Amino acid sequence: MTRILSILYTLATVLIIVGALFILQLETYGVVLLTCGLGLNIIYRILNLNWKKVQEFELSSLLKLFGIIIMGIACTLIFSKSDQRFNILILSIVLDLVLNYKEISFRSK
């Protein structure tokens, strides 16, 4: 299961990066790629969330749950005409990076 989760996380990260690059080039399908990446990231975060700690109201787990909710809101707002859709999207990605910084590793084996 951990191998599938690592593949899911890698795929989500690649889709987010490629989608952001296409958005910067004003390509319309960049939004779709970015949203798919966020959707996969939401699935990954839900599968890795420690629900026991959420029920115990541990602050870090509650913040991670809040980050998942913000990502869900960003996914739904990205297809609307809201003025804040990209701001929420950036907030959700930065919040995800800050809350889950331990998963990012630059070490080589």
N, C-alpha and C. Protein backbone atom coordinates (compact mmCIF):
# COMPACT_ATOMS: atom_id res chain seq x y z
N MET A 1 0.83 -1.20 0.00
CA MET A 1 0.00 0.00 0.00
C MET A 1 0.87 1.26 0.00
N THR A 2 2.01 1.19 0.70
CA THR A 2 2.86 2.38 0.75
C THR A 2 3.45 2.71 -0.62
N ARG A 3 3.70 1.67 -1.42
CA ARG A 3 4.22 1.90 -2.77
C ARG A 3 3.17 2.61 -3.64
N ILE A 4 1.93 2.19 -3.51
CA ILE A 4 0.84 2.84 -4.26
C ILE A 4 0.68 4.29 -3.80
N LEU A 5 0.77 4.52 -2.50
CA LEU A 5 0.64 5.88 -1.98
C LEU A 5 1.79 6.77 -2.45
N SER A 6 3.01 6.23 -2.51
CA SER A 6 4.12 7.04 -2.99
C SER A 6 3.97 7.37 -4.47
N ILE A 7 3.45 6.43 -5.25
CA ILE A 7 3.19 6.69 -6.66
C ILE A 7 2.10 7.74 -6.81
N LEU A 8 1.06 7.64 -5.99
CA LEU A 8 -0.04 8.61 -6.02
C LEU A 8 0.46 10.01 -5.68
N TYR A 9 1.32 10.10 -4.66
CA TYR A 9 1.87 11.40 -4.25
C TYR A 9 2.76 11.99 -5.35
N THR A 10 3.58 11.15 -5.96
CA THR A 10 4.46 11.61 -7.03
C THR A 10 3.65 12.09 -8.23
N LEU A 11 2.64 11.33 -8.61
CA LEU A 11 1.79 11.73 -9.73
C LEU A 11 1.06 13.04 -9.44
N ALA A 12 0.56 13.19 -8.22
CA ALA A 12 -0.12 14.43 -7.85
C ALA A 12 0.83 15.62 -7.92
N THR A 13 2.04 15.44 -7.43
CA THR A 13 3.02 16.52 -7.46
C THR A 13 3.39 16.91 -8.88
N VAL A 14 3.60 15.92 -9.73
CA VAL A 14 3.94 16.21 -11.13
C VAL A 14 2.80 16.94 -11.83
N LEU A 15 1.56 16.49 -11.59
CA LEU A 15 0.41 17.16 -12.22
C LEU A 15 0.27 18.60 -11.74
N ILE A 16 0.52 18.84 -10.46
CA ILE A 16 0.43 20.21 -9.94
C ILE A 16 1.50 21.09 -10.59
N ILE A 17 2.71 20.59 -10.69
CA ILE A 17 3.79 21.39 -11.27
C ILE A 17 3.55 21.64 -12.76
N VAL A 18 3.19 20.60 -13.51
CA VAL A 18 2.95 20.75 -14.94
C VAL A 18 1.74 21.64 -15.19
N GLY A 19 0.70 21.48 -14.39
CA GLY A 19 -0.47 22.34 -14.53
C GLY A 19 -0.15 23.80 -14.27
N ALA A 20 0.67 24.05 -13.25
CA ALA A 20 1.07 25.43 -12.96
C ALA A 20 1.90 26.02 -14.10
N LEU A 21 2.76 25.22 -14.68
CA LEU A 21 3.55 25.71 -15.81
C LEU A 21 2.68 26.04 -17.02
N PHE A 22 1.67 25.20 -17.28
CA PHE A 22 0.77 25.47 -18.39
C PHE A 22 -0.10 26.70 -18.12
N ILE A 23 -0.46 26.91 -16.87
CA ILE A 23 -1.24 28.11 -16.53
C ILE A 23 -0.40 29.35 -16.78
N LEU A 24 0.90 29.28 -16.44
CA LEU A 24 1.77 30.43 -16.67
C LEU A 24 1.91 30.75 -18.15
N GLN A 25 1.75 29.74 -19.01
CA GLN A 25 1.81 29.96 -20.46
C GLN A 25 0.44 30.25 -21.05
N LEU A 26 -0.54 30.45 -20.20
CA LEU A 26 -1.91 30.79 -20.57
C LEU A 26 -2.59 29.67 -21.36
N GLU A 27 -2.24 28.42 -21.08
CA GLU A 27 -2.91 27.28 -21.69
C GLU A 27 -4.12 26.92 -20.84
N THR A 28 -5.22 26.60 -21.47
CA THR A 28 -6.45 26.34 -20.72
C THR A 28 -6.44 24.97 -20.04
N TYR A 29 -5.77 24.00 -20.62
CA TYR A 29 -5.77 22.68 -20.00
C TYR A 29 -4.85 22.60 -18.79
N GLY A 30 -4.08 23.64 -18.52
CA GLY A 30 -3.26 23.69 -17.32
C GLY A 30 -4.11 23.69 -16.06
N VAL A 31 -5.26 24.34 -16.12
CA VAL A 31 -6.18 24.36 -14.98
C VAL A 31 -6.71 22.96 -14.70
N VAL A 32 -7.00 22.21 -15.74
CA VAL A 32 -7.50 20.84 -15.57
C VAL A 32 -6.41 19.96 -14.95
N LEU A 33 -5.18 20.08 -15.45
CA LEU A 33 -4.07 19.29 -14.89
C LEU A 33 -3.82 19.64 -13.43
N LEU A 34 -3.86 20.92 -13.13
CA LEU A 34 -3.63 21.37 -11.76
C LEU A 34 -4.73 20.87 -10.83
N THR A 35 -5.96 20.91 -11.28
CA THR A 35 -7.07 20.44 -10.47
C THR A 35 -7.00 18.92 -10.28
N CYS A 36 -6.62 18.20 -11.31
CA CYS A 36 -6.44 16.74 -11.16
C CYS A 36 -5.33 16.43 -10.16
N GLY A 37 -4.26 17.19 -10.21
CA GLY A 37 -3.17 17.02 -9.25
C GLY A 37 -3.62 17.29 -7.83
N LEU A 38 -4.41 18.35 -7.66
CA LEU A 38 -4.94 18.65 -6.33
C LEU A 38 -5.90 17.58 -5.86
N GLY A 39 -6.71 17.06 -6.77
CA GLY A 39 -7.64 15.98 -6.42
C GLY A 39 -6.89 14.74 -5.95
N LEU A 40 -5.84 14.37 -6.67
CA LEU A 40 -5.04 13.22 -6.24
C LEU A 40 -4.33 13.50 -4.92
N ASN A 41 -3.91 14.73 -4.73
CA ASN A 41 -3.27 15.11 -3.47
C ASN A 41 -4.26 15.03 -2.31
N ILE A 42 -5.50 15.40 -2.56
CA ILE A 42 -6.54 15.29 -1.52
C ILE A 42 -6.75 13.83 -1.15
N ILE A 43 -6.82 12.96 -2.15
CA ILE A 43 -6.99 11.53 -1.88
C ILE A 43 -5.81 11.00 -1.07
N TYR A 44 -4.60 11.39 -1.46
CA TYR A 44 -3.41 10.95 -0.74
C TYR A 44 -3.43 11.43 0.71
N ARG A 45 -3.76 12.70 0.91
CA ARG A 45 -3.78 13.26 2.27
C ARG A 45 -4.86 12.60 3.14
N ILE A 46 -6.01 12.30 2.56
CA ILE A 46 -7.07 11.64 3.32
C ILE A 46 -6.64 10.24 3.73
N LEU A 47 -5.98 9.51 2.83
CA LEU A 47 -5.52 8.16 3.15
C LEU A 47 -4.41 8.15 4.19
N ASN A 48 -3.62 9.23 4.26
CA ASN A 48 -2.52 9.30 5.22
C ASN A 48 -2.88 10.02 6.51
N LEU A 49 -4.06 10.57 6.61
CA LEU A 49 -4.45 11.33 7.80
C LEU A 49 -4.70 10.38 8.97
N ASN A 50 -4.16 10.72 10.11
CA ASN A 50 -4.35 9.92 11.32
C ASN A 50 -5.67 10.37 11.97
N TRP A 51 -6.73 9.60 11.72
CA TRP A 51 -8.06 9.99 12.18
C TRP A 51 -8.19 9.93 13.69
N LYS A 52 -7.40 9.10 14.34
CA LYS A 52 -7.44 9.03 15.80
C LYS A 52 -6.95 10.35 16.40
N LYS A 53 -5.90 10.92 15.81
CA LYS A 53 -5.39 12.20 16.29
C LYS A 53 -6.37 13.34 15.99
N VAL A 54 -7.10 13.23 14.89
CA VAL A 54 -8.12 14.24 14.58
C VAL A 54 -9.22 14.20 15.62
N GLN A 55 -9.65 12.99 16.01
CA GLN A 55 -10.69 12.84 17.02
C GLN A 55 -10.22 13.30 18.39
N GLU A 56 -8.90 13.25 18.62
CA GLU A 56 -8.35 13.73 19.88
C GLU A 56 -8.06 15.24 19.84
N PHE A 57 -8.39 15.88 18.75
CA PHE A 57 -8.21 17.33 18.53
C PHE A 57 -6.75 17.76 18.65
N GLU A 58 -5.85 16.96 18.10
CA GLU A 58 -4.45 17.35 18.05
C GLU A 58 -4.30 18.43 16.99
N LEU A 59 -3.60 19.50 17.34
CA LEU A 59 -3.54 20.68 16.50
C LEU A 59 -2.96 20.39 15.11
N SER A 60 -1.89 19.63 15.03
CA SER A 60 -1.28 19.39 13.72
C SER A 60 -2.21 18.59 12.81
N SER A 61 -2.92 17.62 13.37
CA SER A 61 -3.85 16.84 12.56
C SER A 61 -5.06 17.67 12.14
N LEU A 62 -5.52 18.55 13.02
CA LEU A 62 -6.63 19.43 12.66
C LEU A 62 -6.22 20.42 11.56
N LEU A 63 -4.97 20.90 11.62
CA LEU A 63 -4.49 21.79 10.56
C LEU A 63 -4.37 21.05 9.23
N LYS A 64 -3.94 19.79 9.28
CA LYS A 64 -3.87 18.99 8.05
C LYS A 64 -5.26 18.77 7.47
N LEU A 65 -6.26 18.53 8.33
CA LEU A 65 -7.63 18.38 7.87
C LEU A 65 -8.13 19.70 7.27
N PHE A 66 -7.79 20.81 7.90
CA PHE A 66 -8.14 22.13 7.37
C PHE A 66 -7.50 22.34 6.00
N GLY A 67 -6.26 21.90 5.83
CA GLY A 67 -5.58 22.00 4.53
C GLY A 67 -6.28 21.19 3.46
N ILE A 68 -6.77 20.01 3.83
CA ILE A 68 -7.52 19.17 2.88
C ILE A 68 -8.81 19.87 2.46
N ILE A 69 -9.48 20.49 3.42
CA ILE A 69 -10.72 21.20 3.12
C ILE A 69 -10.45 22.39 2.20
N ILE A 70 -9.37 23.12 2.46
CA ILE A 70 -9.00 24.26 1.61
C ILE A 70 -8.67 23.79 0.19
N MET A 71 -7.98 22.64 0.07
CA MET A 71 -7.70 22.10 -1.26
C MET A 71 -8.99 21.73 -1.99
N GLY A 72 -9.96 21.17 -1.27
CA GLY A 72 -11.25 20.85 -1.87
C GLY A 72 -11.98 22.08 -2.35
N ILE A 73 -11.93 23.14 -1.54
CA ILE A 73 -12.55 24.41 -1.93
C ILE A 73 -11.85 24.99 -3.15
N ALA A 74 -10.52 24.89 -3.18
CA ALA A 74 -9.76 25.41 -4.33
C ALA A 74 -10.11 24.64 -5.60
N CYS A 75 -10.31 23.32 -5.47
CA CYS A 75 -10.68 22.51 -6.65
C CYS A 75 -12.04 22.92 -7.19
N THR A 76 -12.98 23.22 -6.31
CA THR A 76 -14.31 23.59 -6.78
C THR A 76 -14.35 25.03 -7.30
N LEU A 77 -13.55 25.91 -6.70
CA LEU A 77 -13.57 27.31 -7.14
C LEU A 77 -12.80 27.54 -8.43
N ILE A 78 -11.89 26.65 -8.79
CA ILE A 78 -11.03 26.89 -9.95
C ILE A 78 -11.84 26.96 -11.24
N PHE A 79 -13.00 26.29 -11.29
CA PHE A 79 -13.82 26.31 -12.48
C PHE A 79 -14.91 27.38 -12.43
N SER A 80 -14.92 28.18 -11.38
CA SER A 80 -15.90 29.25 -11.26
C SER A 80 -15.29 30.56 -11.78
N LYS A 81 -16.07 31.58 -11.77
CA LYS A 81 -15.60 32.90 -12.20
C LYS A 81 -15.20 33.77 -11.02
N SER A 82 -14.90 33.13 -9.89
CA SER A 82 -14.54 33.86 -8.69
C SER A 82 -13.21 34.60 -8.86
N ASP A 83 -13.14 35.78 -8.27
CA ASP A 83 -11.90 36.55 -8.35
C ASP A 83 -10.81 35.95 -7.46
N GLN A 84 -11.20 35.19 -6.46
CA GLN A 84 -10.26 34.66 -5.49
C GLN A 84 -9.81 33.23 -5.78
N ARG A 85 -10.15 32.69 -6.92
CA ARG A 85 -9.88 31.27 -7.18
C ARG A 85 -8.39 30.95 -7.19
N PHE A 86 -7.56 31.79 -7.78
CA PHE A 86 -6.13 31.51 -7.80
C PHE A 86 -5.48 31.81 -6.45
N ASN A 87 -6.02 32.77 -5.72
CA ASN A 87 -5.51 33.05 -4.38
C ASN A 87 -5.74 31.85 -3.46
N ILE A 88 -6.92 31.26 -3.51
CA ILE A 88 -7.23 30.09 -2.69
C ILE A 88 -6.37 28.91 -3.14
N LEU A 89 -6.15 28.79 -4.43
CA LEU A 89 -5.31 27.72 -4.96
C LEU A 89 -3.88 27.84 -4.44
N ILE A 90 -3.32 29.02 -4.50
CA ILE A 90 -1.97 29.24 -4.00
C ILE A 90 -1.92 29.01 -2.50
N LEU A 91 -2.92 29.49 -1.78
CA LEU A 91 -2.98 29.27 -0.33
C LEU A 91 -3.02 27.79 0.00
N SER A 92 -3.79 27.01 -0.74
CA SER A 92 -3.89 25.59 -0.44
C SER A 92 -2.57 24.86 -0.71
N ILE A 93 -1.88 25.22 -1.77
CA ILE A 93 -0.60 24.57 -2.08
C ILE A 93 0.46 24.96 -1.05
N VAL A 94 0.55 26.23 -0.71
CA VAL A 94 1.53 26.67 0.29
C VAL A 94 1.22 26.06 1.65
N LEU A 95 -0.04 26.03 2.03
CA LEU A 95 -0.44 25.42 3.30
C LEU A 95 -0.10 23.94 3.33
N ASP A 96 -0.30 23.26 2.21
CA ASP A 96 0.04 21.84 2.13
C ASP A 96 1.55 21.64 2.28
N LEU A 97 2.34 22.50 1.65
CA LEU A 97 3.79 22.39 1.78
C LEU A 97 4.26 22.66 3.20
N VAL A 98 3.68 23.64 3.85
CA VAL A 98 4.09 23.99 5.21
C VAL A 98 3.69 22.89 6.20
N LEU A 99 2.48 22.38 6.07
CA LEU A 99 1.99 21.39 7.02
C LEU A 99 2.64 20.01 6.83
N ASN A 100 3.08 19.73 5.63
CA ASN A 100 3.63 18.41 5.34
C ASN A 100 5.09 18.50 4.89
N TYR A 101 5.84 19.41 5.49
CA TYR A 101 7.22 19.62 5.07
C TYR A 101 8.11 18.42 5.34
N LYS A 102 7.72 17.54 6.25
CA LYS A 102 8.56 16.37 6.57
C LYS A 102 8.57 15.36 5.43
N GLU A 103 7.58 15.40 4.55
CA GLU A 103 7.52 14.45 3.43
C GLU A 103 8.42 14.86 2.29
N ILE A 104 8.87 16.10 2.29
CA ILE A 104 9.73 16.59 1.24
C ILE A 104 11.17 16.33 1.66
N SER A 105 11.87 15.57 0.88
CA SER A 105 13.24 15.20 1.23
C SER A 105 14.15 15.44 0.05
N PHE A 106 15.28 16.04 0.34
CA PHE A 106 16.27 16.29 -0.70
C PHE A 106 17.49 15.38 -0.54
N ARG A 107 17.37 14.40 0.33
CA ARG A 107 18.48 13.48 0.56
C ARG A 107 18.59 12.49 -0.59
N SER A 108 19.80 12.14 -0.88
CA SER A 108 20.01 11.09 -1.90
C SER A 108 20.46 9.81 -1.21
N LYS A 109 20.15 8.70 -1.82
CA LYS A 109 20.50 7.42 -1.20
C LYS A 109 21.89 6.98 -1.63
